[in-house]
C-alpha atoms as a PDB file:
ATOM      1  CA  MET A   1      12.745   6.716   3.825  1.00  0.00           C
ATOM      2  CA  PHE A   2      15.977   6.292   5.359  1.00  0.00           C
ATOM      3  CA  ASN A   3      18.613   8.626   3.723  1.00  0.00           C
ATOM      4  CA  GLU A   4      21.664   6.615   4.640  1.00  0.00           C
ATOM      5  CA  SER A   5      20.492   3.447   2.868  1.00  0.00           C
ATOM      6  CA  ASP A   6      18.257   2.064   0.001  1.00  0.00           C
ATOM      7  CA  GLU A   7      15.532   1.152   2.701  1.00  0.00           C
ATOM      8  CA  ALA A   8      12.490   2.526   4.090  1.00  0.00           C
ATOM      9  CA  GLY A   9      10.205   1.705   7.068  1.00  0.00           C
ATOM     10  CA  LEU A  10       6.564   0.896   7.305  1.00  0.00           C
ATOM     11  CA  GLY A  11       4.758   1.259  10.619  1.00  0.00           C
ATOM     12  CA  VAL A  12       1.123   0.059  11.364  1.00  0.00           C
ATOM     13  CA  VAL A  13      -1.048   0.244  14.445  1.00  0.00           C
ATOM     14  CA  ILE A  14      -4.262  -1.222  15.028  1.00  0.00           C
ATOM     15  CA  CYS A  15      -6.286   0.266  17.720  1.00  0.00           C
ATOM     16  CA  ASN A  16      -9.797  -0.377  19.156  1.00  0.00           C
ATOM     17  CA  SER A  17     -12.497   2.286  19.321  1.00  0.00           C
ATOM     18  CA  GLU A  18     -11.230   3.254  22.823  1.00  0.00           C
ATOM     19  CA  GLY A  19      -7.564   3.892  21.283  1.00  0.00           C
ATOM     20  CA  GLN A  20      -6.130   0.848  22.970  1.00  0.00           C
ATOM     21  CA  VAL A  21      -3.586  -0.833  20.962  1.00  0.00           C
ATOM     22  CA  MET A  22      -4.608  -4.272  19.591  1.00  0.00           C
ATOM     23  CA  ALA A  23      -1.537  -4.995  17.213  1.00  0.00           C
ATOM     24  CA  ALA A  24       1.440  -3.148  15.864  1.00  0.00           C
ATOM     25  CA  LEU A  25       3.942  -3.723  12.973  1.00  0.00           C
ATOM     26  CA  SER A  26       7.359  -2.357  11.972  1.00  0.00           C
ATOM     27  CA  GLU A  27       8.773  -3.605   8.698  1.00  0.00           C
ATOM     28  CA  LYS A  28      11.925  -2.624   6.729  1.00  0.00           C
ATOM     29  CA  ILE A  29      11.452  -2.569   2.933  1.00  0.00           C
ATOM     30  CA  LYS A  30      13.472  -1.567  -0.122  1.00  0.00           C
ATOM     31  CA  LYS A  31      13.278   2.155  -0.742  1.00  0.00           C
ATOM     32  CA  PRO A  32      10.544   2.822  -3.366  1.00  0.00           C
ATOM     33  CA  PRO A  33      10.958   5.563  -6.021  1.00  0.00           C
ATOM     34  CA  SER A  34       8.780   8.047  -4.287  1.00  0.00           C
ATOM     35  CA  VAL A  35       7.160   9.126  -0.897  1.00  0.00           C
ATOM     36  CA  VAL A  36       3.682   8.666  -2.452  1.00  0.00           C
ATOM     37  CA  THR A  37       4.615   5.164  -3.259  1.00  0.00           C
ATOM     38  CA  LEU A  38       5.944   4.377   0.135  1.00  0.00           C
ATOM     39  CA  GLU A  39       2.821   5.810   1.777  1.00  0.00           C
ATOM     40  CA  LEU A  40       0.520   3.624  -0.601  1.00  0.00           C
ATOM     41  CA  LEU A  41       2.680   0.612   0.418  1.00  0.00           C
ATOM     42  CA  ALA A  42       1.962   1.432   4.066  1.00  0.00           C
ATOM     43  CA  ALA A  43      -1.550   1.660   3.365  1.00  0.00           C
ATOM     44  CA  ARG A  44      -1.508  -1.776   1.586  1.00  0.00           C
ATOM     45  CA  ARG A  45       0.499  -3.035   4.507  1.00  0.00           C
ATOM     46  CA  ALA A  46      -2.107  -1.914   6.869  1.00  0.00           C
ATOM     47  CA  ALA A  47      -4.811  -3.560   4.996  1.00  0.00           C
ATOM     48  CA  VAL A  48      -3.001  -6.908   4.788  1.00  0.00           C
ATOM     49  CA  PHE A  49      -2.099  -6.676   8.412  1.00  0.00           C
ATOM     50  CA  VAL A  50      -5.863  -5.990   9.521  1.00  0.00           C
ATOM     51  CA  SER A  51      -6.793  -8.952   7.299  1.00  0.00           C
ATOM     52  CA  GLU A  52      -3.999 -11.179   8.930  1.00  0.00           C
ATOM     53  CA  THR A  53      -5.088 -10.478  12.409  1.00  0.00           C
ATOM     54  CA  GLY A  54      -8.709 -11.050  11.720  1.00  0.00           C
ATOM     55  CA  PHE A  55     -10.384  -7.707  12.306  1.00  0.00           C
ATOM     56  CA  GLN A  56     -13.406  -7.241  10.084  1.00  0.00           C
ATOM     57  CA  GLN A  57     -14.104  -3.464  10.593  1.00  0.00           C
ATOM     58  CA  SER A  58     -11.289  -0.704  10.268  1.00  0.00           C
ATOM     59  CA  CYS A  59     -10.869   2.969   9.797  1.00  0.00           C
ATOM     60  CA  PHE A  60      -7.690   3.468   8.023  1.00  0.00           C
ATOM     61  CA  GLU A  61      -5.892   6.583   8.856  1.00  0.00           C
ATOM     62  CA  GLY A  62      -2.859   8.231   7.036  1.00  0.00           C
ATOM     63  CA  ASP A  63      -1.188  11.547   7.085  1.00  0.00           C
ATOM     64  CA  SER A  64      -0.783  11.620   3.382  1.00  0.00           C
ATOM     65  CA  GLU A  65      -3.803  13.487   1.811  1.00  0.00           C
ATOM     66  CA  ILE A  66      -2.866  12.369  -1.859  1.00  0.00           C
ATOM     67  CA  VAL A  67      -2.967   8.636  -0.644  1.00  0.00           C
ATOM     68  CA  VAL A  68      -6.268   8.926   1.141  1.00  0.00           C
ATOM     69  CA  LYS A  69      -7.905  10.522  -1.849  1.00  0.00           C
ATOM     70  CA  SER A  70      -6.599   8.067  -4.153  1.00  0.00           C
ATOM     71  CA  LEU A  71      -7.944   5.135  -2.041  1.00  0.00           C
ATOM     72  CA  CYS A  72     -11.450   7.073  -1.717  1.00  0.00           C
ATOM     73  CA  SER A  73     -12.040   8.034  -5.280  1.00  0.00           C
ATOM     74  CA  SER A  74     -11.441   6.366  -8.692  1.00  0.00           C
ATOM     75  CA  GLY A  75      -9.139   7.747 -11.325  1.00  0.00           C
ATOM     76  CA  MET A  76      -5.710   6.719 -10.023  1.00  0.00           C
ATOM     77  CA  GLU A  77      -5.898   2.966 -11.013  1.00  0.00           C
ATOM     78  CA  LYS A  78      -4.231   3.704 -14.223  1.00  0.00           C
ATOM     79  CA  SER A  79      -1.347   5.669 -12.761  1.00  0.00           C
ATOM     80  CA  VAL A  80       2.103   4.204 -12.212  1.00  0.00           C
ATOM     81  CA  VAL A  81       1.018   3.183  -8.708  1.00  0.00           C
ATOM     82  CA  GLY A  82      -2.511   2.005  -9.728  1.00  0.00           C
ATOM     83  CA  HIS A  83      -1.575  -1.605  -9.005  1.00  0.00           C
ATOM     84  CA  ILE A  84      -0.760  -0.802  -5.292  1.00  0.00           C
ATOM     85  CA  ILE A  85      -4.170   1.166  -4.989  1.00  0.00           C
ATOM     86  CA  LYS A  86      -5.996  -1.831  -6.609  1.00  0.00           C
ATOM     87  CA  ASP A  87      -4.311  -4.325  -4.380  1.00  0.00           C
ATOM     88  CA  THR A  88      -5.114  -2.309  -1.213  1.00  0.00           C
ATOM     89  CA  LEU A  89      -8.746  -2.021  -2.304  1.00  0.00           C
ATOM     90  CA  SER A  90      -9.021  -5.622  -2.880  1.00  0.00           C
ATOM     91  CA  TYR A  91      -7.819  -6.519   0.633  1.00  0.00           C
ATOM     92  CA  VAL A  92     -10.117  -3.947   2.421  1.00  0.00           C
ATOM     93  CA  SER A  93     -13.132  -5.144   0.322  1.00  0.00           C
ATOM     94  CA  LEU A  94     -12.909  -8.447   2.134  1.00  0.00           C
ATOM     95  CA  LEU A  95     -13.694  -6.561   5.314  1.00  0.00           C
ATOM     96  CA  GLN A  96     -17.294  -5.958   6.823  1.00  0.00           C
ATOM     97  CA  SER A  97     -16.643  -2.206   6.755  1.00  0.00           C
ATOM     98  CA  TYR A  98     -13.844   0.025   6.241  1.00  0.00           C
ATOM     99  CA  SER A  99     -13.010   3.777   5.712  1.00  0.00           C
ATOM    100  CA  PHE A 100     -10.109   5.928   5.037  1.00  0.00           C
ATOM    101  CA  SER A 101      -9.395   9.007   6.765  1.00  0.00           C
ATOM    102  CA  HIS A 102      -6.709  11.878   6.568  1.00  0.00           C
ATOM    103  CA  VAL A 103      -5.030  12.684   9.845  1.00  0.00           C
ATOM    104  CA  ASN A 104      -2.269  15.254  10.511  1.00  0.00           C
ATOM    105  CA  ARG A 105       1.225  14.065  11.226  1.00  0.00           C
ATOM    106  CA  GLN A 106       0.644  14.051  15.122  1.00  0.00           C
ATOM    107  CA  GLY A 107      -2.465  11.706  14.625  1.00  0.00           C
ATOM    108  CA  ASP A 108       0.014   9.398  12.779  1.00  0.00           C
ATOM    109  CA  ALA A 109       2.804   9.777  15.301  1.00  0.00           C
ATOM    110  CA  VAL A 110       2.805   5.980  16.516  1.00  0.00           C
ATOM    111  CA  ALA A 111       2.727   4.568  12.974  1.00  0.00           C
ATOM    112  CA  HIS A 112       5.650   7.077  12.171  1.00  0.00           C
ATOM    113  CA  ALA A 113       7.636   5.974  15.150  1.00  0.00           C
ATOM    114  CA  LEU A 114       7.169   2.435  14.235  1.00  0.00           C
ATOM    115  CA  ALA A 115       8.422   3.132  10.657  1.00  0.00           C
ATOM    116  CA  GLN A 116      11.441   4.761  12.067  1.00  0.00           C
ATOM    117  CA  ARG A 117      11.981   1.872  14.509  1.00  0.00           C
ATOM    118  CA  ALA A 118      12.465  -0.419  11.247  1.00  0.00           C
ATOM    119  CA  ARG A 119      15.588   1.434  10.576  1.00  0.00           C
ATOM    120  CA  LEU A 120      17.610  -0.514  13.241  1.00  0.00           C
ATOM    121  CA  ALA A 121      15.393  -3.535  13.746  1.00  0.00           C
ATOM    122  CA  PHE A 122      14.701  -6.875  12.130  1.00  0.00           C
ATOM    123  CA  PRO A 123      12.931  -6.803   8.536  1.00  0.00           C
ATOM    124  CA  LEU A 124       9.617  -7.401  10.333  1.00  0.00           C
ATOM    125  CA  GLN A 125       8.463  -7.079  13.866  1.00  0.00           C
ATOM    126  CA  VAL A 126       4.930  -7.569  15.284  1.00  0.00           C
ATOM    127  CA  TRP A 127       3.575  -6.859  18.679  1.00  0.00           C
ATOM    128  CA  MET A 128       0.021  -8.191  19.850  1.00  0.00           C
ATOM    129  CA  GLU A 129      -1.806  -5.968  22.190  1.00  0.00           C
ATOM    130  CA  SER A 130       0.994  -3.652  22.836  1.00  0.00           C
ATOM    131  CA  VAL A 131       3.833  -1.613  21.256  1.00  0.00           C
ATOM    132  CA  PRO A 132       7.504  -1.463  22.113  1.00  0.00           C
ATOM    133  CA  PRO A 133       7.730  -0.116  25.697  1.00  0.00           C
ATOM    134  CA  ASP A 134       9.656   3.136  24.239  1.00  0.00           C
ATOM    135  CA  LEU A 135       6.619   3.921  22.272  1.00  0.00           C
ATOM    136  CA  ASP A 136       4.116   4.040  25.237  1.00  0.00           C
ATOM    137  CA  ALA A 137       4.808   7.693  25.755  1.00  0.00           C
ATOM    138  CA  VAL A 138       3.670   8.418  22.001  1.00  0.00           C
ATOM    139  CA  ILE A 139       0.579   6.284  22.566  1.00  0.00           C
ATOM    140  CA  LEU A 140      -0.181   8.210  25.753  1.00  0.00           C
ATOM    141  CA  ALA A 141       0.328  11.562  24.034  1.00  0.00           C
ATOM    142  CA  LYS A 142      -2.079  10.498  21.343  1.00  0.00           C
ATOM    143  CA  LEU A 143      -4.834   9.330  23.708  1.00  0.00           C
ATOM    144  CA  LYS A 144      -4.432  12.397  25.804  1.00  0.00           C
ATOM    145  CA  PRO A 145      -7.453  14.926  25.118  1.00  0.00           C
ATOM    146  CA  PRO A 146      -6.305  18.413  23.670  1.00  0.00           C
ATOM    147  CA  GLU A 147      -6.192  21.110  26.330  1.00  0.00           C
END
């Protein structure tokens, strides 16, 4: 969420099994009422983006444990954000296979950088088989095996 405005950013990156970027997205949206809502909107946007790009299998990773748990189990559908959960699940149900996984903030660094990029960019930017050049270092750091 951008403190200086009523906007927030979404960042999505699609990688293949080797960690190579297949597509990336940075989008500016109206600021939602909570961080959990923002994280759910990011998950839904990721599901839509995977569908739009034609991929049939996906492991969705996110750094919000609450969101990952809400997408993996029932019970939150009648909450204030239930409609976002249902919508996300309807998109992923069209895929051949999918899973949701919680990662730490470093594991989500590329998506976070793309979300921050939305602050100064057009409302929607998409890259195919790449990310903006200034994010190459973030990608390399993510792919580098731990020492």
